[in-house]
Amino acid sequence: MRALIYIMTPVLILTFFLASRFVTWEKLKGVDRKALKHQINGTQFLRGGKNQKAITALTKAIEIEPKYAEAYIKRGRAYYYLARYKEAIDDYTQTLSLNKFLADAYASRGDAYRALNDVPRAIADYTAALENRPSAIAYHNRGRAYYQKFLRLDEKDETLKLALYDFEKAIEMQPRFAIAYLSRGDIYGHLKQQESQESDYSHALDLLTDAIENWQNESHELILIYLWRAVAYEKNNHTDKAQNDIKRVYELFTQFYLKKIKISDIL
């Protein structure tokens, strides 16, 4: 099951379903108790998709502990989820200035730069993240940044090769990384390697279907996987099946929010 997290790669939509990924080092270092409490509350809000409340709680933690790196990086994530990318970048930069969570802060700032279409800075940050701690997701996201660059340039061949290299590294590190197969398939399409493209698209579809069929966690956490399988179906020219997966996404959304409303009514 651990490998399934790579199917749910960081994407701009629905990211509030992803738990905060940062380790609480400060708990071991005697942070002010009130600041720690606000940080814990902020983390809980972040995991529950209550991003504005997370920002409020984490800001209180920072006001008490101005060098609280964990609070900065988590508040940056909350800003990112709200598409407040410049504020997210400021918090990630502050985290880096404190010399904490370097790989995560560089990778997250790269995500924010990429969302702002600042591709050169995104690539630089993903590279720094990989230098600190190589990961399949960082390779994939840098590959996507190279692919964005490729689509804009007149001199394309070298950038395309860089993107392909990153997707191959991502797959090498995590062979069940379904989205990386979709991305590599896109590159093969530009290289006119139709057989390889079709193979990658088909394999991604198989991995996503396997994840859905063997899912054992909360059903709403399948939303991203259904969305990506819809993309995979479309790339495999199965439009009807793609539309069925989109319908399933709406059903899961509805079920999830109705459940949240009932819980809030009780409370």
C-alpha atoms as a PDB file:
ATOM      1  CA  MET A   1       0.000   0.000   0.000  1.00  0.00           C
ATOM      2  CA  ARG A   2       2.887   2.397   0.641  1.00  0.00           C
ATOM      3  CA  ALA A   3       3.563   2.661  -3.066  1.00  0.00           C
ATOM      4  CA  LEU A   4       0.076   4.025  -3.677  1.00  0.00           C
ATOM      5  CA  ILE A   5       1.033   7.433  -2.324  1.00  0.00           C
ATOM      6  CA  TYR A   6       2.954   7.998  -5.534  1.00  0.00           C
ATOM      7  CA  ILE A   7      -0.272   7.623  -7.487  1.00  0.00           C
ATOM      8  CA  MET A   8      -1.578  10.633  -5.549  1.00  0.00           C
ATOM      9  CA  THR A   9       1.225  12.948  -6.661  1.00  0.00           C
ATOM     10  CA  PRO A  10       0.994  16.564  -5.693  1.00  0.00           C
ATOM     11  CA  VAL A  11      -1.558  18.176  -8.002  1.00  0.00           C
ATOM     12  CA  LEU A  12      -3.043  21.652  -7.762  1.00  0.00           C
ATOM     13  CA  ILE A  13      -6.605  20.414  -7.288  1.00  0.00           C
ATOM     14  CA  LEU A  14      -7.953  18.488  -4.309  1.00  0.00           C
ATOM     15  CA  THR A  15      -4.629  18.593  -2.499  1.00  0.00           C
ATOM     16  CA  PHE A  16      -6.349  19.283   0.779  1.00  0.00           C
ATOM     17  CA  PHE A  17      -6.894  15.528   1.074  1.00  0.00           C
ATOM     18  CA  LEU A  18      -3.164  15.011   1.488  1.00  0.00           C
ATOM     19  CA  ALA A  19      -1.782  15.008   5.021  1.00  0.00           C
ATOM     20  CA  SER A  20       1.024  17.368   5.921  1.00  0.00           C
ATOM     21  CA  ARG A  21       4.278  15.570   5.231  1.00  0.00           C
ATOM     22  CA  PHE A  22       6.677  17.294   7.590  1.00  0.00           C
ATOM     23  CA  VAL A  23       8.270  15.692  10.624  1.00  0.00           C
ATOM     24  CA  THR A  24       7.874  17.456  13.943  1.00  0.00           C
ATOM     25  CA  TRP A  25      11.528  17.926  14.867  1.00  0.00           C
ATOM     26  CA  GLU A  26      10.700  20.905  17.070  1.00  0.00           C
ATOM     27  CA  LYS A  27       8.875  18.697  19.545  1.00  0.00           C
ATOM     28  CA  LEU A  28      12.277  17.335  20.483  1.00  0.00           C
ATOM     29  CA  LYS A  29      13.830  20.748  20.966  1.00  0.00           C
ATOM     30  CA  GLY A  30      11.756  22.461  23.625  1.00  0.00           C
ATOM     31  CA  VAL A  31       9.517  24.766  21.605  1.00  0.00           C
ATOM     32  CA  ASP A  32       7.226  26.995  23.663  1.00  0.00           C
ATOM     33  CA  ARG A  33       4.188  24.935  24.664  1.00  0.00           C
ATOM     34  CA  LYS A  34       1.670  27.467  23.401  1.00  0.00           C
ATOM     35  CA  ALA A  35       3.449  27.688  20.050  1.00  0.00           C
ATOM     36  CA  LEU A  36       3.521  23.902  19.840  1.00  0.00           C
ATOM     37  CA  LYS A  37      -0.195  23.724  20.605  1.00  0.00           C
ATOM     38  CA  HIS A  38      -0.973  26.226  17.830  1.00  0.00           C
ATOM     39  CA  GLN A  39       1.261  24.275  15.451  1.00  0.00           C
ATOM     40  CA  ILE A  40      -0.522  21.019  16.276  1.00  0.00           C
ATOM     41  CA  ASN A  41      -3.911  22.688  15.796  1.00  0.00           C
ATOM     42  CA  GLY A  42      -2.721  24.150  12.504  1.00  0.00           C
ATOM     43  CA  THR A  43      -1.571  20.726  11.336  1.00  0.00           C
ATOM     44  CA  GLN A  44      -4.970  19.233  12.163  1.00  0.00           C
ATOM     45  CA  PHE A  45      -6.722  22.009  10.264  1.00  0.00           C
ATOM     46  CA  LEU A  46      -4.371  21.468   7.329  1.00  0.00           C
ATOM     47  CA  ARG A  47      -5.131  17.751   7.229  1.00  0.00           C
ATOM     48  CA  GLY A  48      -8.851  18.493   7.360  1.00  0.00           C
ATOM     49  CA  GLY A  49      -8.728  20.919   4.456  1.00  0.00           C
ATOM     50  CA  LYS A  50      -9.433  23.949   6.679  1.00  0.00           C
ATOM     51  CA  ASN A  51      -6.627  25.973   5.218  1.00  0.00           C
ATOM     52  CA  GLN A  52      -7.576  29.445   6.426  1.00  0.00           C
ATOM     53  CA  LYS A  53      -7.926  28.161   9.988  1.00  0.00           C
ATOM     54  CA  ALA A  54      -4.574  26.431   9.572  1.00  0.00           C
ATOM     55  CA  ILE A  55      -2.998  29.737   8.553  1.00  0.00           C
ATOM     56  CA  THR A  56      -4.478  31.477  11.594  1.00  0.00           C
ATOM     57  CA  ALA A  57      -3.214  28.820  14.008  1.00  0.00           C
ATOM     58  CA  LEU A  58       0.235  28.588  12.442  1.00  0.00           C
ATOM     59  CA  THR A  59       0.576  32.377  12.413  1.00  0.00           C
ATOM     60  CA  LYS A  60      -0.058  32.388  16.163  1.00  0.00           C
ATOM     61  CA  ALA A  61       2.676  29.778  16.566  1.00  0.00           C
ATOM     62  CA  ILE A  62       5.081  31.940  14.549  1.00  0.00           C
ATOM     63  CA  GLU A  63       4.221  35.047  16.578  1.00  0.00           C
ATOM     64  CA  ILE A  64       5.299  33.184  19.716  1.00  0.00           C
ATOM     65  CA  GLU A  65       8.269  31.420  18.087  1.00  0.00           C
ATOM     66  CA  PRO A  66       9.538  33.587  15.162  1.00  0.00           C
ATOM     67  CA  LYS A  67      12.045  30.905  14.140  1.00  0.00           C
ATOM     68  CA  TYR A  68       9.543  28.036  14.138  1.00  0.00           C
ATOM     69  CA  ALA A  69      10.491  26.358  10.853  1.00  0.00           C
ATOM     70  CA  GLU A  70       7.798  23.706  10.993  1.00  0.00           C
ATOM     71  CA  ALA A  71       5.092  26.328  11.357  1.00  0.00           C
ATOM     72  CA  TYR A  72       6.456  28.266   8.375  1.00  0.00           C
ATOM     73  CA  ILE A  73       6.599  25.279   6.057  1.00  0.00           C
ATOM     74  CA  LYS A  74       3.107  24.110   7.014  1.00  0.00           C
ATOM     75  CA  ARG A  75       1.669  27.601   6.654  1.00  0.00           C
ATOM     76  CA  GLY A  76       3.326  27.733   3.246  1.00  0.00           C
ATOM     77  CA  ARG A  77       1.474  24.547   2.347  1.00  0.00           C
ATOM     78  CA  ALA A  78      -1.827  26.076   3.472  1.00  0.00           C
ATOM     79  CA  TYR A  79      -1.154  29.185   1.372  1.00  0.00           C
ATOM     80  CA  TYR A  80      -0.326  26.924  -1.572  1.00  0.00           C
ATOM     81  CA  TYR A  81      -3.625  25.047  -1.233  1.00  0.00           C
ATOM     82  CA  LEU A  82      -5.420  28.408  -1.381  1.00  0.00           C
ATOM     83  CA  ALA A  83      -3.456  29.361  -4.527  1.00  0.00           C
ATOM     84  CA  ARG A  84      -1.704  32.145  -2.608  1.00  0.00           C
ATOM     85  CA  TYR A  85       1.560  31.161  -4.190  1.00  0.00           C
ATOM     86  CA  LYS A  86       3.648  34.238  -3.447  1.00  0.00           C
ATOM     87  CA  GLU A  87       2.867  33.986   0.257  1.00  0.00           C
ATOM     88  CA  ALA A  88       3.681  30.278   0.117  1.00  0.00           C
ATOM     89  CA  ILE A  89       7.028  31.095  -1.498  1.00  0.00           C
ATOM     90  CA  ASP A  90       7.791  33.586   1.282  1.00  0.00           C
ATOM     91  CA  ASP A  91       7.153  30.943   3.947  1.00  0.00           C
ATOM     92  CA  TYR A  92       9.197  28.289   2.161  1.00  0.00           C
ATOM     93  CA  THR A  93      12.034  30.796   1.771  1.00  0.00           C
ATOM     94  CA  GLN A  94      11.857  31.563   5.477  1.00  0.00           C
ATOM     95  CA  THR A  95      12.027  27.831   6.220  1.00  0.00           C
ATOM     96  CA  LEU A  96      15.152  27.542   4.091  1.00  0.00           C
ATOM     97  CA  SER A  97      16.723  30.521   5.836  1.00  0.00           C
ATOM     98  CA  LEU A  98      16.329  28.580   9.090  1.00  0.00           C
ATOM     99  CA  ASN A  99      18.160  25.632   7.494  1.00  0.00           C
ATOM    100  CA  LYS A 100      15.331  23.183   8.217  1.00  0.00           C
ATOM    101  CA  PHE A 101      13.319  20.755   6.064  1.00  0.00           C
ATOM    102  CA  LEU A 102      15.520  21.615   3.099  1.00  0.00           C
ATOM    103  CA  ALA A 103      14.350  18.960   0.640  1.00  0.00           C
ATOM    104  CA  ASP A 104      10.662  19.548   1.392  1.00  0.00           C
ATOM    105  CA  ALA A 105      10.988  23.332   1.382  1.00  0.00           C
ATOM    106  CA  TYR A 106      12.832  23.396  -1.954  1.00  0.00           C
ATOM    107  CA  ALA A 107      10.378  20.930  -3.525  1.00  0.00           C
ATOM    108  CA  SER A 108       7.359  22.826  -2.195  1.00  0.00           C
ATOM    109  CA  ARG A 109       8.715  26.177  -3.328  1.00  0.00           C
ATOM    110  CA  GLY A 110       9.331  24.600  -6.712  1.00  0.00           C
ATOM    111  CA  ASP A 111       5.654  23.617  -6.831  1.00  0.00           C
ATOM    112  CA  ALA A 112       4.663  27.215  -6.101  1.00  0.00           C
ATOM    113  CA  TYR A 113       7.013  28.641  -8.721  1.00  0.00           C
ATOM    114  CA  ARG A 114       5.684  26.153 -11.268  1.00  0.00           C
ATOM    115  CA  ALA A 115       2.119  27.183 -10.430  1.00  0.00           C
ATOM    116  CA  LEU A 116       3.177  30.762 -11.227  1.00  0.00           C
ATOM    117  CA  ASN A 117       4.760  29.552 -14.496  1.00  0.00           C
ATOM    118  CA  ASP A 118       8.180  30.600 -13.236  1.00  0.00           C
ATOM    119  CA  VAL A 119       9.742  27.505 -14.752  1.00  0.00           C
ATOM    120  CA  PRO A 120      13.457  28.373 -14.358  1.00  0.00           C
ATOM    121  CA  ARG A 121      13.092  28.947 -10.605  1.00  0.00           C
ATOM    122  CA  ALA A 122      10.963  25.810 -10.297  1.00  0.00           C
ATOM    123  CA  ILE A 123      13.645  23.716 -11.995  1.00  0.00           C
ATOM    124  CA  ALA A 124      16.348  25.233  -9.768  1.00  0.00           C
ATOM    125  CA  ASP A 125      14.373  24.406  -6.622  1.00  0.00           C
ATOM    126  CA  TYR A 126      13.553  20.856  -7.685  1.00  0.00           C
ATOM    127  CA  THR A 127      17.243  20.355  -8.438  1.00  0.00           C
ATOM    128  CA  ALA A 128      18.156  21.617  -4.964  1.00  0.00           C
ATOM    129  CA  ALA A 129      15.553  19.284  -3.448  1.00  0.00           C
ATOM    130  CA  LEU A 130      17.029  16.336  -5.320  1.00  0.00           C
ATOM    131  CA  GLU A 131      20.520  17.251  -4.144  1.00  0.00           C
ATOM    132  CA  ASN A 132      19.288  17.184  -0.548  1.00  0.00           C
ATOM    133  CA  ARG A 133      17.123  14.081  -0.806  1.00  0.00           C
ATOM    134  CA  PRO A 134      16.409  12.330  -4.106  1.00  0.00           C
ATOM    135  CA  SER A 135      12.800  11.239  -4.505  1.00  0.00           C
ATOM    136  CA  ALA A 136      10.563   9.973  -7.281  1.00  0.00           C
ATOM    137  CA  ILE A 137       8.123  12.843  -6.827  1.00  0.00           C
ATOM    138  CA  ALA A 138      10.841  15.510  -7.055  1.00  0.00           C
ATOM    139  CA  TYR A 139      12.198  13.922 -10.232  1.00  0.00           C
ATOM    140  CA  HIS A 140       8.707  13.752 -11.692  1.00  0.00           C
ATOM    141  CA  ASN A 141       7.870  17.358 -10.838  1.00  0.00           C
ATOM    142  CA  ARG A 142      11.147  18.611 -12.279  1.00  0.00           C
ATOM    143  CA  GLY A 143      10.355  16.583 -15.379  1.00  0.00           C
ATOM    144  CA  ARG A 144       6.991  18.321 -15.624  1.00  0.00           C
ATOM    145  CA  ALA A 145       8.753  21.675 -15.324  1.00  0.00           C
ATOM    146  CA  TYR A 146      11.127  20.721 -18.136  1.00  0.00           C
ATOM    147  CA  TYR A 147       8.101  19.641 -20.159  1.00  0.00           C
ATOM    148  CA  GLN A 148       6.490  23.061 -19.613  1.00  0.00           C
ATOM    149  CA  LYS A 149       9.727  24.629 -20.819  1.00  0.00           C
ATOM    150  CA  PHE A 150       9.811  22.289 -23.795  1.00  0.00           C
ATOM    151  CA  LEU A 151       6.348  23.360 -24.913  1.00  0.00           C
ATOM    152  CA  ARG A 152       7.434  27.019 -24.963  1.00  0.00           C
ATOM    153  CA  LEU A 153      10.809  26.870 -26.672  1.00  0.00           C
ATOM    154  CA  ASP A 154      11.873  26.802 -30.289  1.00  0.00           C
ATOM    155  CA  GLU A 155      15.006  24.792 -29.452  1.00  0.00           C
ATOM    156  CA  LYS A 156      13.247  21.827 -27.898  1.00  0.00           C
ATOM    157  CA  ASP A 157      15.269  18.653 -28.243  1.00  0.00           C
ATOM    158  CA  GLU A 158      17.608  19.030 -25.266  1.00  0.00           C
ATOM    159  CA  THR A 159      14.831  20.070 -22.883  1.00  0.00           C
ATOM    160  CA  LEU A 160      12.733  17.123 -24.003  1.00  0.00           C
ATOM    161  CA  LYS A 161      15.604  14.767 -23.196  1.00  0.00           C
ATOM    162  CA  LEU A 162      15.930  16.294 -19.720  1.00  0.00           C
ATOM    163  CA  ALA A 163      12.229  15.738 -19.087  1.00  0.00           C
ATOM    164  CA  LEU A 164      12.469  12.142 -20.300  1.00  0.00           C
ATOM    165  CA  TYR A 165      15.477  11.505 -18.034  1.00  0.00           C
ATOM    166  CA  ASP A 166      13.560  12.758 -14.983  1.00  0.00           C
ATOM    167  CA  PHE A 167      10.493  10.654 -15.700  1.00  0.00           C
ATOM    168  CA  GLU A 168      12.675   7.597 -16.171  1.00  0.00           C
ATOM    169  CA  LYS A 169      14.417   8.279 -12.843  1.00  0.00           C
ATOM    170  CA  ALA A 170      11.042   8.654 -11.136  1.00  0.00           C
ATOM    171  CA  ILE A 171       9.906   5.295 -12.517  1.00  0.00           C
ATOM    172  CA  GLU A 172      13.227   3.681 -11.623  1.00  0.00           C
ATOM    173  CA  MET A 173      12.827   4.833  -8.010  1.00  0.00           C
ATOM    174  CA  GLN A 174       9.130   3.983  -7.812  1.00  0.00           C
ATOM    175  CA  PRO A 175       8.004   1.461 -10.454  1.00  0.00           C
ATOM    176  CA  ARG A 176       4.327   1.855  -9.477  1.00  0.00           C
ATOM    177  CA  PHE A 177       4.322   5.641  -9.997  1.00  0.00           C
ATOM    178  CA  ALA A 178       1.378   5.691 -12.404  1.00  0.00           C
ATOM    179  CA  ILE A 179       1.467   9.419 -13.162  1.00  0.00           C
ATOM    180  CA  ALA A 180       5.115   9.190 -14.187  1.00  0.00           C
ATOM    181  CA  TYR A 181       4.149   6.635 -16.849  1.00  0.00           C
ATOM    182  CA  LEU A 182       1.529   9.052 -18.186  1.00  0.00           C
ATOM    183  CA  SER A 183       4.112  11.829 -18.269  1.00  0.00           C
ATOM    184  CA  ARG A 184       6.713   9.664 -19.978  1.00  0.00           C
ATOM    185  CA  GLY A 185       4.082   8.580 -22.463  1.00  0.00           C
ATOM    186  CA  ASP A 186       3.554  12.229 -23.381  1.00  0.00           C
ATOM    187  CA  ILE A 187       7.268  12.569 -24.093  1.00  0.00           C
ATOM    188  CA  TYR A 188       7.281   9.431 -26.231  1.00  0.00           C
ATOM    189  CA  GLY A 189       4.454  10.978 -28.219  1.00  0.00           C
ATOM    190  CA  HIS A 190       6.623  13.990 -29.076  1.00  0.00           C
ATOM    191  CA  LEU A 191       9.447  11.621 -29.988  1.00  0.00           C
ATOM    192  CA  LYS A 192       7.116   9.784 -32.391  1.00  0.00           C
ATOM    193  CA  GLN A 193       7.592   6.543 -30.444  1.00  0.00           C
ATOM    194  CA  GLN A 194       3.981   5.440 -30.626  1.00  0.00           C
ATOM    195  CA  GLU A 195       4.472   1.898 -29.336  1.00  0.00           C
ATOM    196  CA  SER A 196       6.309   3.105 -26.218  1.00  0.00           C
ATOM    197  CA  GLN A 197       3.693   5.812 -25.686  1.00  0.00           C
ATOM    198  CA  GLU A 198       0.820   3.347 -25.841  1.00  0.00           C
ATOM    199  CA  SER A 199       2.651   0.946 -23.524  1.00  0.00           C
ATOM    200  CA  ASP A 200       3.165   3.646 -20.867  1.00  0.00           C
ATOM    201  CA  TYR A 201      -0.427   4.873 -21.071  1.00  0.00           C
ATOM    202  CA  SER A 202      -1.714   1.311 -20.784  1.00  0.00           C
ATOM    203  CA  HIS A 203       0.551   0.512 -17.838  1.00  0.00           C
ATOM    204  CA  ALA A 204      -0.546   3.665 -16.013  1.00  0.00           C
ATOM    205  CA  LEU A 205      -4.159   2.638 -16.512  1.00  0.00           C
ATOM    206  CA  ASP A 206      -3.447  -0.822 -15.086  1.00  0.00           C
ATOM    207  CA  LEU A 207      -1.713   0.643 -12.015  1.00  0.00           C
ATOM    208  CA  LEU A 208      -4.537   3.084 -11.309  1.00  0.00           C
ATOM    209  CA  THR A 209      -7.179   0.388 -11.723  1.00  0.00           C
ATOM    210  CA  ASP A 210      -5.260  -1.901  -9.391  1.00  0.00           C
ATOM    211  CA  ALA A 211      -5.066   0.877  -6.800  1.00  0.00           C
ATOM    212  CA  ILE A 212      -8.822   1.448  -6.967  1.00  0.00           C
ATOM    213  CA  GLU A 213      -9.681  -2.235  -6.763  1.00  0.00           C
ATOM    214  CA  ASN A 214      -7.409  -2.810  -3.767  1.00  0.00           C
ATOM    215  CA  TRP A 215      -8.068   0.435  -1.885  1.00  0.00           C
ATOM    216  CA  GLN A 216      -8.530  -0.036   1.867  1.00  0.00           C
ATOM    217  CA  ASN A 217      -8.613   3.553   3.146  1.00  0.00           C
ATOM    218  CA  GLU A 218     -11.356   6.190   3.204  1.00  0.00           C
ATOM    219  CA  SER A 219     -13.364   6.218  -0.022  1.00  0.00           C
ATOM    220  CA  HIS A 220     -13.047   9.995  -0.563  1.00  0.00           C
ATOM    221  CA  GLU A 221      -9.282   9.537  -0.789  1.00  0.00           C
ATOM    222  CA  LEU A 222      -9.909   7.773  -4.109  1.00  0.00           C
ATOM    223  CA  ILE A 223     -11.001  11.021  -5.764  1.00  0.00           C
ATOM    224  CA  LEU A 224      -7.548  11.882  -7.102  1.00  0.00           C
ATOM    225  CA  ILE A 225      -7.004   8.346  -8.340  1.00  0.00           C
ATOM    226  CA  TYR A 226     -10.311   8.335 -10.215  1.00  0.00           C
ATOM    227  CA  LEU A 227      -9.401  11.694 -11.736  1.00  0.00           C
ATOM    228  CA  TRP A 228      -6.059  10.387 -12.926  1.00  0.00           C
ATOM    229  CA  ARG A 229      -7.618   7.195 -14.229  1.00  0.00           C
ATOM    230  CA  ALA A 230     -10.030   9.357 -16.223  1.00  0.00           C
ATOM    231  CA  VAL A 231      -6.979  11.042 -17.741  1.00  0.00           C
ATOM    232  CA  ALA A 232      -5.450   7.637 -18.456  1.00  0.00           C
ATOM    233  CA  TYR A 233      -8.665   6.394 -20.071  1.00  0.00           C
ATOM    234  CA  GLU A 234      -8.775   9.488 -22.265  1.00  0.00           C
ATOM    235  CA  LYS A 235      -5.150   9.008 -23.335  1.00  0.00           C
ATOM    236  CA  ASN A 236      -6.029   5.387 -24.153  1.00  0.00           C
ATOM    237  CA  ASN A 237      -8.993   6.611 -26.239  1.00  0.00           C
ATOM    238  CA  HIS A 238     -11.647   5.257 -23.846  1.00  0.00           C
ATOM    239  CA  THR A 239     -13.717   8.421 -23.569  1.00  0.00           C
ATOM    240  CA  ASP A 240     -16.844   6.707 -22.208  1.00  0.00           C
ATOM    241  CA  LYS A 241     -14.893   5.120 -19.367  1.00  0.00           C
ATOM    242  CA  ALA A 242     -13.221   8.449 -18.633  1.00  0.00           C
ATOM    243  CA  GLN A 243     -16.634  10.069 -18.306  1.00  0.00           C
ATOM    244  CA  ASN A 244     -17.761   7.294 -15.946  1.00  0.00           C
ATOM    245  CA  ASP A 245     -14.774   7.977 -13.689  1.00  0.00           C
ATOM    246  CA  ILE A 246     -15.587  11.694 -13.635  1.00  0.00           C
ATOM    247  CA  LYS A 247     -19.131  10.815 -12.556  1.00  0.00           C
ATOM    248  CA  ARG A 248     -17.664   8.670  -9.784  1.00  0.00           C
ATOM    249  CA  VAL A 249     -15.582  11.643  -8.653  1.00  0.00           C
ATOM    250  CA  TYR A 250     -18.746  13.745  -8.301  1.00  0.00           C
ATOM    251  CA  GLU A 251     -20.417  10.955  -6.325  1.00  0.00           C
ATOM    252  CA  LEU A 252     -17.491  10.682  -3.916  1.00  0.00           C
ATOM    253  CA  PHE A 253     -17.384  14.455  -3.500  1.00  0.00           C
ATOM    254  CA  THR A 254     -21.079  14.548  -2.686  1.00  0.00           C
ATOM    255  CA  GLN A 255     -20.824  11.689  -0.187  1.00  0.00           C
ATOM    256  CA  PHE A 256     -17.814  13.269   1.496  1.00  0.00           C
ATOM    257  CA  TYR A 257     -19.373  16.706   1.961  1.00  0.00           C
ATOM    258  CA  LEU A 258     -22.751  15.352   3.054  1.00  0.00           C
ATOM    259  CA  LYS A 259     -20.919  13.364   5.711  1.00  0.00           C
ATOM    260  CA  LYS A 260     -19.045  16.471   6.830  1.00  0.00           C
ATOM    261  CA  ILE A 261     -22.295  18.437   7.053  1.00  0.00           C
ATOM    262  CA  LYS A 262     -23.926  15.754   9.213  1.00  0.00           C
ATOM    263  CA  ILE A 263     -20.934  15.688  11.535  1.00  0.00           C
ATOM    264  CA  SER A 264     -20.926  19.464  11.876  1.00  0.00           C
ATOM    265  CA  ASP A 265     -24.660  19.448  12.636  1.00  0.00           C
ATOM    266  CA  ILE A 266     -24.091  16.973  15.453  1.00  0.00           C
ATOM    267  CA  LEU A 267     -21.237  19.048  16.864  1.00  0.00           C
END
